[in-house]
Every structure is written in structure tokens, then in C-alpha cells.
Amino acid sequence: MKKFLKIALWSVLGIVLLLGILMTGFMYKVKNGLPIYETEIPKIDFPTSQKAVLLFTKSTGFRHSGSIEASKPIIADLAKKNNWFLYETESGGVFNAEQLEKFSVVIFDNATGRLLNDEQKSVFQKYIENGGSVLGIHGAGDNSHQWEWYIQNLTGSDFSHHAITEGFKTQNTEVSIEQQADSLTTLELPSKFDHADEWYVFYENPRKYGFQVVANINGESVITDGNMLFTKDKNFGMGKDHPVAWYKTVGKGKSFYTSMGHDETVWADTNFVKLIENGIKWCQEK
């Protein structure tokens, strides 16, 4: 009997240890991403009569599979509607100077983790500063990218957390559109609309860093407690002025970001889709 109990105890301890290792590995991946890079240059036949849009869906951190897969046909429909040439990939090989400069906008569609090697980062930075543009959706603004220039010019402030006490469920609240934003970004959007999403909390308001806010929520209307297990310093939000979409110019280029876009349900919201369409058009406008 004692031998059986000893075997059972060691088995339980082994399982606990294994679960701990797996959880630690998962948390590391979510926070830091994995250094996986692609360098092979793809073959792309760019049409001369259409603006080219790059849809980049690579994830080496947490992968928002539902949102990414739901977004592809929606963005393809937007491309067809607006006569854009759409190229979708998860390979960083497209981030070479010759091909990248042909795109009017690069969409980081829930792209998370360490996405590009140092050379590709440099190419992308020059692309933006020389007149290119980037549009980031949700996970594109989390803290897994390990790329200071990217964070400074896409979100302005570092991502802190999202609500944990509600599990990973989305929360419904009212989104307000700021009418002083560029009219192209607010075109055909109601002044207010209900939207359910996973609401990101950033350490500081992006207004502080010169970003123009397009949409915000009352941060006091949603749960923002991110405490869990040994994390005890995430029980805070951004207050009543909680931006959820914003933009700025970067050199000669442009940057547009929305923290909305967590799962597949958001792509059934016509107002959210319109915000994305407006953001792409704003990025493309010279």
C-alpha cells in the first residue's frame, strides 16, 4: 500500500511539474514570441492598375486563429470592392525593399511575436519613413514583438494586459467616434455603436505620444482586472478616456492601429469592418 501511495504521489508531482513547464513555455511564447524568420523572397505578380495591399498574418506569439481566418474573406471582399490587389502571407520574406515599396499599405492582422529579422525590420522602417504605411489590428499591438521602433510608431505606449477575471470572454460596451479625427477615418460611421471585444489596456494614453484618436470607450464600463496566479499588479484600466483606435504620421509614412479585433465575431460587426476599410484608405492616401 505504501509503495502504491509513493508511486501515486510521484506520478502526481510529475504531472504537476510537466504542467508547470508547459505553462511556463506558453507564457514565454505569449510574452516574447519565438525567433522564427523566413528569408525566401516570394514571386508576386503586381498589377499596374491597382493599389497593392499586404495582409500579414504571421504569429509566433499568441495566435488569434478565429479572428485571422474570419478576417481573410472580409478583407478580400474589401479589396474587390475597392479594386485593390491583395497579397496575403505569413512569410517574412516579402519584407525586402524591392517588393515592399510596391505595397500601399501593410496590414499586421493580429500578427504577434518576433516577426522579422534585423534586416527585414530595417527595410520595413525605411519603407514607412519614406512614405509607406502600416495598419495594425488587435494582437499587432501586444507586447510580444520585442521591437521598440514598432511599438513607438504603432501603439505609442506599451501594452499591459486585458481582463482575466472574465476569463477570455469579450465584453460589450459602447464605442464613441471622435469627429475631430480625419474625416476619411470616420466616414459612414455612427457617432456611437455597441461592440463586443477583448479590451486591451495600455500603460499610457496614446494621445500623450502625438497620436490622433479615432475611437474610444469608457474604460470604467468594462472589467479591466488582469491579475492572475502570481501577477498581482494588473488590476487597473485606462479610465474613462480609453482609446481603441488611433493614428499618426511617421516620417513621410502613416500608422493606424485598432486594439479591437480579438475573435471571429468582430468581423460580423459592420461598423468594425468599416473602421478597418476607412483605416486602409487613410493609409493609402498621399
Protein backbone atom coordinates (compact mmCIF):
# COMPACT_ATOMS: atom_id res chain seq x y z
CA MET A 1 0.00 0.00 0.00
CA LYS A 2 2.82 2.37 0.90
CA LYS A 3 4.54 1.56 -2.37
CA PHE A 4 1.34 2.32 -4.28
CA LEU A 5 0.91 5.67 -2.49
CA LYS A 6 4.53 6.56 -3.20
CA ILE A 7 4.09 5.78 -6.91
CA ALA A 8 0.83 7.77 -7.00
CA LEU A 9 2.48 10.74 -5.24
CA TRP A 10 5.42 10.80 -7.62
CA SER A 11 3.05 10.49 -10.58
CA VAL A 12 1.04 13.49 -9.38
CA LEU A 13 4.21 15.50 -8.78
CA GLY A 14 5.42 14.58 -12.26
CA ILE A 15 2.18 15.72 -13.84
CA VAL A 16 2.25 18.98 -11.88
CA LEU A 17 5.85 19.59 -12.94
CA LEU A 18 5.04 18.84 -16.58
CA LEU A 19 2.04 21.18 -16.50
CA GLY A 20 4.23 23.86 -14.92
CA ILE A 21 6.83 23.50 -17.68
CA LEU A 22 4.15 23.65 -20.38
CA MET A 23 2.52 26.70 -18.79
CA THR A 24 5.89 28.45 -18.46
CA GLY A 25 6.66 27.74 -22.12
CA PHE A 26 3.25 29.01 -23.20
CA MET A 27 3.58 32.22 -21.18
CA TYR A 28 7.07 32.83 -22.57
CA LYS A 29 5.76 32.41 -26.12
CA VAL A 30 2.83 34.78 -25.49
CA LYS A 31 5.04 37.48 -23.98
CA ASN A 32 8.18 37.16 -26.09
CA GLY A 33 7.27 35.35 -29.28
CA LEU A 34 9.59 32.87 -30.94
CA PRO A 35 12.56 33.90 -33.16
CA ILE A 36 11.31 32.25 -36.34
CA TYR A 37 12.22 34.09 -39.54
CA GLU A 38 11.70 33.45 -43.25
CA THR A 39 14.02 34.92 -45.87
CA GLU A 40 12.93 33.35 -49.15
CA ILE A 41 11.64 36.08 -51.47
CA PRO A 42 8.22 35.16 -52.91
CA LYS A 43 7.19 35.54 -56.51
CA ILE A 44 4.48 38.21 -56.79
CA ASP A 45 2.93 39.50 -60.00
CA PHE A 46 1.96 43.06 -59.12
CA PRO A 47 -0.73 44.53 -61.39
CA THR A 48 -0.02 48.06 -62.56
CA SER A 49 -3.60 49.30 -62.33
CA GLN A 50 -4.34 48.52 -58.66
CA LYS A 51 -3.09 49.62 -55.27
CA ALA A 52 -1.38 46.68 -53.58
CA VAL A 53 -2.28 45.68 -50.02
CA LEU A 54 -0.15 43.25 -47.98
CA LEU A 55 -2.12 41.19 -45.45
CA PHE A 56 0.45 39.82 -42.98
CA THR A 57 -0.95 37.22 -40.57
CA LYS A 58 2.20 35.65 -39.10
CA SER A 59 2.08 34.73 -35.40
CA THR A 60 4.97 33.48 -33.28
CA GLY A 61 3.28 34.62 -30.05
CA PHE A 62 -0.37 34.04 -29.15
CA ARG A 63 -2.34 33.23 -32.29
CA HIS A 64 -5.81 34.71 -32.73
CA SER A 65 -6.81 31.97 -35.17
CA GLY A 66 -10.53 32.71 -35.17
CA SER A 67 -10.11 36.39 -35.96
CA ILE A 68 -7.40 35.84 -38.55
CA GLU A 69 -9.38 33.24 -40.50
CA ALA A 70 -12.61 35.27 -40.30
CA SER A 71 -10.81 38.40 -41.48
CA LYS A 72 -9.40 36.95 -44.69
CA PRO A 73 -12.63 36.73 -46.72
CA ILE A 74 -13.81 40.08 -45.33
CA ILE A 75 -10.62 41.88 -46.33
CA ALA A 76 -10.69 40.07 -49.68
CA ASP A 77 -14.19 41.46 -50.22
CA LEU A 78 -12.96 44.96 -49.32
CA ALA A 79 -10.15 44.54 -51.85
CA LYS A 80 -12.60 43.51 -54.55
CA LYS A 81 -14.94 46.39 -53.68
CA ASN A 82 -12.14 48.99 -53.79
CA ASN A 83 -10.13 47.48 -56.66
CA TRP A 84 -7.10 46.65 -54.51
CA PHE A 85 -4.60 43.91 -55.28
CA LEU A 86 -4.43 41.81 -52.10
CA TYR A 87 -1.45 39.63 -51.24
CA GLU A 88 -1.81 37.51 -48.08
CA THR A 89 1.15 35.78 -46.43
CA GLU A 90 2.68 34.60 -43.15
CA SER A 91 6.21 34.69 -44.55
CA GLY A 92 8.58 37.50 -43.64
CA GLY A 93 10.40 37.02 -46.94
CA VAL A 94 8.18 39.66 -48.55
CA PHE A 95 9.84 42.31 -46.36
CA ASN A 96 12.51 43.12 -48.90
CA ALA A 97 12.98 46.63 -50.30
CA GLU A 98 12.07 45.85 -53.92
CA GLN A 99 8.71 44.23 -53.16
CA LEU A 100 7.71 46.12 -50.05
CA GLU A 101 7.81 49.51 -51.73
CA LYS A 102 5.10 48.34 -54.16
CA PHE A 103 2.52 47.98 -51.39
CA SER A 104 0.37 50.98 -50.49
CA VAL A 105 -0.24 49.57 -47.00
CA VAL A 106 0.91 46.64 -44.86
CA ILE A 107 -1.75 45.16 -42.56
CA PHE A 108 -0.44 43.45 -39.44
CA ASP A 109 -3.56 41.34 -38.91
CA ASN A 110 -3.19 40.02 -35.35
CA ALA A 111 0.49 39.47 -36.19
CA THR A 112 2.23 38.63 -32.91
CA GLY A 113 5.68 37.71 -31.66
CA ARG A 114 9.07 38.24 -33.23
CA LEU A 115 8.06 38.58 -36.86
CA LEU A 116 11.09 39.91 -38.77
CA ASN A 117 14.87 39.57 -38.58
CA ASP A 118 17.05 42.66 -38.17
CA GLU A 119 17.48 43.24 -41.90
CA GLN A 120 13.74 42.94 -42.54
CA LYS A 121 13.00 45.31 -39.66
CA SER A 122 15.36 47.88 -41.17
CA VAL A 123 13.70 47.53 -44.59
CA PHE A 124 10.25 47.96 -43.07
CA GLN A 125 11.28 51.00 -41.04
CA LYS A 126 12.70 52.71 -44.15
CA TYR A 127 9.56 51.77 -46.09
CA ILE A 128 7.36 53.54 -43.52
CA GLU A 129 9.57 56.60 -43.06
CA ASN A 130 9.84 57.06 -46.84
CA GLY A 131 6.07 57.09 -47.40
CA GLY A 132 4.73 53.59 -46.77
CA SER A 133 2.00 52.78 -44.26
CA VAL A 134 1.02 50.18 -41.71
CA LEU A 135 -2.32 49.22 -40.19
CA GLY A 136 -2.31 47.08 -37.06
CA ILE A 137 -5.21 45.02 -35.72
CA HIS A 138 -5.54 43.90 -32.06
CA GLY A 139 -2.67 41.46 -31.32
CA ALA A 140 -0.39 43.53 -33.57
CA GLY A 141 -0.19 45.90 -30.60
CA ASP A 142 0.58 43.46 -27.79
CA ASN A 143 3.95 43.28 -26.02
CA SER A 144 5.35 40.22 -27.81
CA HIS A 145 7.16 41.90 -30.70
CA GLN A 146 10.43 42.85 -28.96
CA TRP A 147 10.79 45.79 -31.34
CA GLU A 148 10.93 49.26 -29.78
CA TRP A 149 10.59 51.26 -33.03
CA TYR A 150 7.48 49.27 -33.96
CA ILE A 151 5.79 49.90 -30.60
CA GLN A 152 6.68 53.61 -30.60
CA ASN A 153 5.17 54.11 -34.03
CA LEU A 154 2.14 51.80 -33.90
CA THR A 155 0.75 51.99 -30.37
CA GLY A 156 2.90 54.69 -28.79
CA SER A 157 2.53 53.09 -25.37
CA ASP A 158 3.35 49.60 -24.18
CA PHE A 159 0.56 47.03 -23.87
CA SER A 160 -0.07 45.95 -20.27
CA HIS A 161 -2.93 43.42 -20.16
CA HIS A 162 -6.57 42.60 -20.80
CA ALA A 163 -9.25 41.39 -18.40
CA ILE A 164 -8.63 37.99 -16.84
CA THR A 165 -11.41 37.85 -14.26
CA GLU A 166 -13.91 37.49 -17.10
CA GLY A 167 -11.85 34.65 -18.50
CA PHE A 168 -11.03 35.34 -22.12
CA LYS A 169 -14.59 36.34 -22.92
CA THR A 170 -15.30 39.52 -24.83
CA GLN A 171 -17.24 42.33 -23.17
CA ASN A 172 -19.84 44.51 -24.82
CA THR A 173 -19.69 48.30 -24.47
CA GLU A 174 -20.26 51.49 -26.44
CA VAL A 175 -17.62 52.75 -28.85
CA SER A 176 -17.53 56.50 -29.48
CA ILE A 177 -16.12 58.00 -32.67
CA GLU A 178 -14.13 61.23 -32.38
CA GLN A 179 -15.39 63.60 -35.03
CA GLN A 180 -12.22 65.73 -34.97
CA ALA A 181 -10.31 62.80 -36.46
CA ASP A 182 -9.58 62.83 -40.19
CA SER A 183 -12.96 62.50 -41.93
CA LEU A 184 -11.64 59.64 -44.04
CA THR A 185 -11.18 57.54 -40.89
CA THR A 186 -14.71 58.25 -39.61
CA LEU A 187 -16.56 58.09 -42.94
CA GLU A 188 -20.04 56.49 -42.68
CA LEU A 189 -19.50 55.50 -39.05
CA PRO A 190 -22.18 56.38 -36.47
CA SER A 191 -21.08 58.62 -33.61
CA LYS A 192 -21.63 55.67 -31.24
CA PHE A 193 -22.10 51.93 -31.66
CA ASP A 194 -22.10 48.83 -29.46
CA HIS A 195 -19.22 46.41 -29.88
CA ALA A 196 -18.05 43.28 -28.07
CA ASP A 197 -14.30 42.67 -27.87
CA GLU A 198 -11.33 41.89 -25.66
CA TRP A 199 -10.32 45.33 -24.43
CA TYR A 200 -6.58 45.93 -24.27
CA VAL A 201 -5.13 48.11 -21.52
CA PHE A 202 -2.03 50.17 -22.32
CA TYR A 203 0.18 51.80 -19.72
CA GLU A 204 -0.40 55.28 -21.11
CA ASN A 205 -2.84 57.07 -23.37
CA PRO A 206 -1.55 57.24 -26.98
CA ARG A 207 -2.62 60.90 -27.10
CA LYS A 208 0.45 61.56 -24.94
CA TYR A 209 2.66 60.49 -27.84
CA GLY A 210 1.03 62.58 -30.56
CA PHE A 211 -1.47 60.04 -31.88
CA GLN A 212 -4.89 61.21 -33.07
CA VAL A 213 -7.59 59.05 -31.51
CA VAL A 214 -10.38 57.87 -33.83
CA ALA A 215 -12.43 55.78 -31.40
CA ASN A 216 -12.62 55.28 -27.66
CA ILE A 217 -14.66 53.59 -24.94
CA ASN A 218 -15.41 54.46 -21.34
CA GLY A 219 -12.83 52.25 -19.66
CA GLU A 220 -14.88 52.29 -16.50
CA SER A 221 -17.70 50.46 -18.29
CA VAL A 222 -15.71 47.22 -18.67
CA ILE A 223 -13.75 44.93 -16.36
CA THR A 224 -10.01 45.56 -16.71
CA ASP A 225 -8.63 43.35 -13.94
CA GLY A 226 -5.68 41.43 -15.37
CA ASN A 227 -4.47 39.80 -12.16
CA MET A 228 -3.90 36.05 -12.23
CA LEU A 229 -1.81 33.49 -10.30
CA PHE A 230 1.37 35.31 -9.28
CA THR A 231 0.56 38.50 -11.20
CA LYS A 232 -0.90 40.98 -8.72
CA ASP A 233 -0.21 44.41 -10.31
CA LYS A 234 -2.63 44.35 -13.28
CA ASN A 235 -5.83 45.50 -11.60
CA PHE A 236 -6.06 48.84 -13.41
CA GLY A 237 -7.53 50.34 -16.55
CA MET A 238 -7.14 53.48 -18.66
CA GLY A 239 -10.04 55.38 -17.12
CA LYS A 240 -12.96 57.00 -18.90
CA ASP A 241 -10.82 58.04 -21.88
CA HIS A 242 -9.82 54.61 -23.17
CA PRO A 243 -8.75 54.87 -26.85
CA VAL A 244 -9.36 51.82 -29.08
CA ALA A 245 -8.25 53.21 -32.48
CA TRP A 246 -5.68 55.87 -33.35
CA TYR A 247 -3.22 57.06 -36.00
CA LYS A 248 -0.21 59.28 -36.67
CA THR A 249 2.26 60.17 -39.41
CA VAL A 250 5.71 58.58 -39.24
CA GLY A 251 8.25 60.46 -41.34
CA LYS A 252 6.60 60.56 -44.76
CA GLY A 253 4.50 57.49 -43.93
CA LYS A 254 1.47 56.59 -41.83
CA SER A 255 0.47 54.34 -38.98
CA PHE A 256 -3.07 53.29 -37.97
CA TYR A 257 -3.92 50.92 -35.13
CA THR A 258 -7.02 49.49 -33.50
CA SER A 259 -6.91 47.35 -30.38
CA MET A 260 -10.26 45.84 -31.42
CA GLY A 261 -10.35 42.58 -33.38
CA HIS A 262 -9.91 39.72 -30.88
CA ASP A 263 -12.04 36.92 -32.33
CA GLU A 264 -14.18 35.90 -35.30
CA THR A 265 -17.31 37.66 -34.00
CA VAL A 266 -15.86 41.14 -34.57
CA TRP A 267 -15.85 40.60 -38.34
CA ALA A 268 -19.64 40.31 -38.29
CA ASP A 269 -19.81 43.87 -36.95
CA THR A 270 -20.24 46.11 -39.99
CA ASN A 271 -19.06 49.17 -38.05
CA PHE A 272 -15.79 47.46 -37.14
CA VAL A 273 -15.28 46.38 -40.75
CA LYS A 274 -15.99 49.94 -41.91
CA LEU A 275 -13.38 51.25 -39.46
CA ILE A 276 -10.82 48.86 -40.97
CA GLU A 277 -11.79 49.89 -44.51
CA ASN A 278 -11.50 53.56 -43.58
CA GLY A 279 -8.15 52.94 -41.94
CA ILE A 280 -6.79 51.26 -45.07
CA LYS A 281 -7.99 54.13 -47.26
CA TRP A 282 -6.47 56.69 -44.90
CA CYS A 283 -3.17 54.82 -45.03
CA GLN A 284 -3.23 54.77 -48.82
CA GLU A 285 -4.00 58.48 -49.21
CA LYS A 286 -0.96 60.57 -50.05
